[in-house]
Amino acid sequence: MREKLKEKILDVIRGRTTACLATINGARPWARFVACYSEGLKLHIYTYKNSRKIKQIKINPNVHLLIASDLKKPDSAYVQIAG
């Protein structure tokens, strides 16, 4: 990964504790805020192992994660991860 892009991503995710995680529930998207933390580019999401989101991911692993650098500023930088 290019270093400049990596630094831009790290600037957004470093120190963030909240993200928006979207999963699929049947044929509909289901989005919710989740607690998170990062170790470099590796992101960790806190949840219970029997949570609804885990059940949904087991059925359909397509997810989308959104992390904003400042939730109070609509034009702030953000990172989206889909997979």
Protein backbone atom coordinates (compact mmCIF):
# COMPACT_ATOMS: atom_id res chain seq x y z
CA MET A 1 0.00 0.00 0.00
CA ARG A 2 1.29 3.42 -0.79
CA GLU A 3 2.56 5.14 2.35
CA LYS A 4 0.64 8.38 1.78
CA LEU A 5 -2.67 6.50 1.47
CA LYS A 6 -1.82 4.34 4.49
CA GLU A 7 -1.16 7.45 6.58
CA LYS A 8 -4.47 9.03 5.48
CA ILE A 9 -6.33 5.87 6.53
CA LEU A 10 -4.47 5.70 9.84
CA ASP A 11 -5.25 9.37 10.52
CA VAL A 12 -8.96 8.54 10.30
CA ILE A 13 -9.06 5.24 12.22
CA ARG A 14 -6.42 5.91 14.87
CA GLY A 15 -8.04 6.42 18.25
CA ARG A 16 -11.61 5.89 17.04
CA THR A 17 -13.88 3.89 19.30
CA THR A 18 -17.08 3.89 17.24
CA ALA A 19 -17.86 2.62 13.75
CA CYS A 20 -20.97 1.78 11.76
CA LEU A 21 -21.23 -1.88 10.74
CA ALA A 22 -23.77 -3.01 8.16
CA THR A 23 -24.71 -6.65 7.68
CA ILE A 24 -27.45 -8.35 5.67
CA ASN A 25 -30.61 -9.55 7.43
CA GLY A 26 -32.45 -11.70 4.89
CA ALA A 27 -32.57 -9.37 1.87
CA ARG A 28 -32.24 -6.12 3.83
CA PRO A 29 -29.25 -4.22 5.15
CA TRP A 30 -28.95 -3.85 8.92
CA ALA A 31 -26.66 -1.08 10.19
CA ARG A 32 -25.63 -0.35 13.74
CA PHE A 33 -22.95 1.46 15.68
CA VAL A 34 -20.29 -0.81 17.16
CA ALA A 35 -17.41 -0.30 19.55
CA CYS A 36 -14.03 -0.76 17.89
CA TYR A 37 -10.31 -0.14 18.14
CA SER A 38 -7.41 -0.40 15.74
CA GLU A 39 -3.90 -1.77 15.80
CA GLY A 40 -2.40 -0.10 12.78
CA LEU A 41 -4.58 -1.15 9.85
CA LYS A 42 -6.06 -4.08 11.76
CA LEU A 43 -9.54 -3.27 13.11
CA HIS A 44 -11.23 -5.01 16.03
CA ILE A 45 -14.97 -4.93 16.70
CA TYR A 46 -16.38 -5.65 20.15
CA THR A 47 -19.45 -7.87 20.25
CA TYR A 48 -20.97 -10.89 21.94
CA LYS A 49 -20.29 -14.20 20.20
CA ASN A 50 -24.02 -14.95 20.08
CA SER A 51 -25.06 -11.49 18.88
CA ARG A 52 -27.43 -10.88 15.98
CA LYS A 53 -24.59 -9.43 13.88
CA ILE A 54 -22.50 -12.59 14.26
CA LYS A 55 -25.47 -14.74 13.23
CA GLN A 56 -26.06 -12.50 10.20
CA ILE A 57 -22.37 -12.62 9.17
CA LYS A 58 -22.34 -16.41 9.42
CA ILE A 59 -25.28 -16.56 7.00
CA ASN A 60 -23.99 -13.80 4.69
CA PRO A 61 -20.39 -12.59 5.18
CA ASN A 62 -20.91 -9.44 3.07
CA VAL A 63 -20.41 -6.52 5.43
CA HIS A 64 -19.66 -2.82 5.22
CA LEU A 65 -17.82 -0.80 7.87
CA LEU A 66 -17.72 2.99 8.04
CA ILE A 67 -15.44 4.99 10.34
CA ALA A 68 -15.59 8.78 10.40
CA SER A 69 -12.83 10.98 11.75
CA ASP A 70 -15.34 13.36 13.38
CA LEU A 71 -19.03 12.51 13.73
CA LYS A 72 -19.86 16.14 14.51
CA LYS A 73 -18.58 17.38 11.14
CA PRO A 74 -20.44 16.01 8.10
CA ASP A 75 -17.57 16.88 5.75
CA SER A 76 -14.87 15.14 7.82
CA ALA A 77 -12.70 12.37 6.39
CA TYR A 78 -13.95 8.79 6.61
CA VAL A 79 -12.93 5.25 5.69
CA GLN A 80 -15.26 2.64 4.21
CA ILE A 81 -14.40 -1.06 4.12
CA ALA A 82 -16.52 -3.56 2.22
CA GLY A 83 -16.07 -7.26 2.09
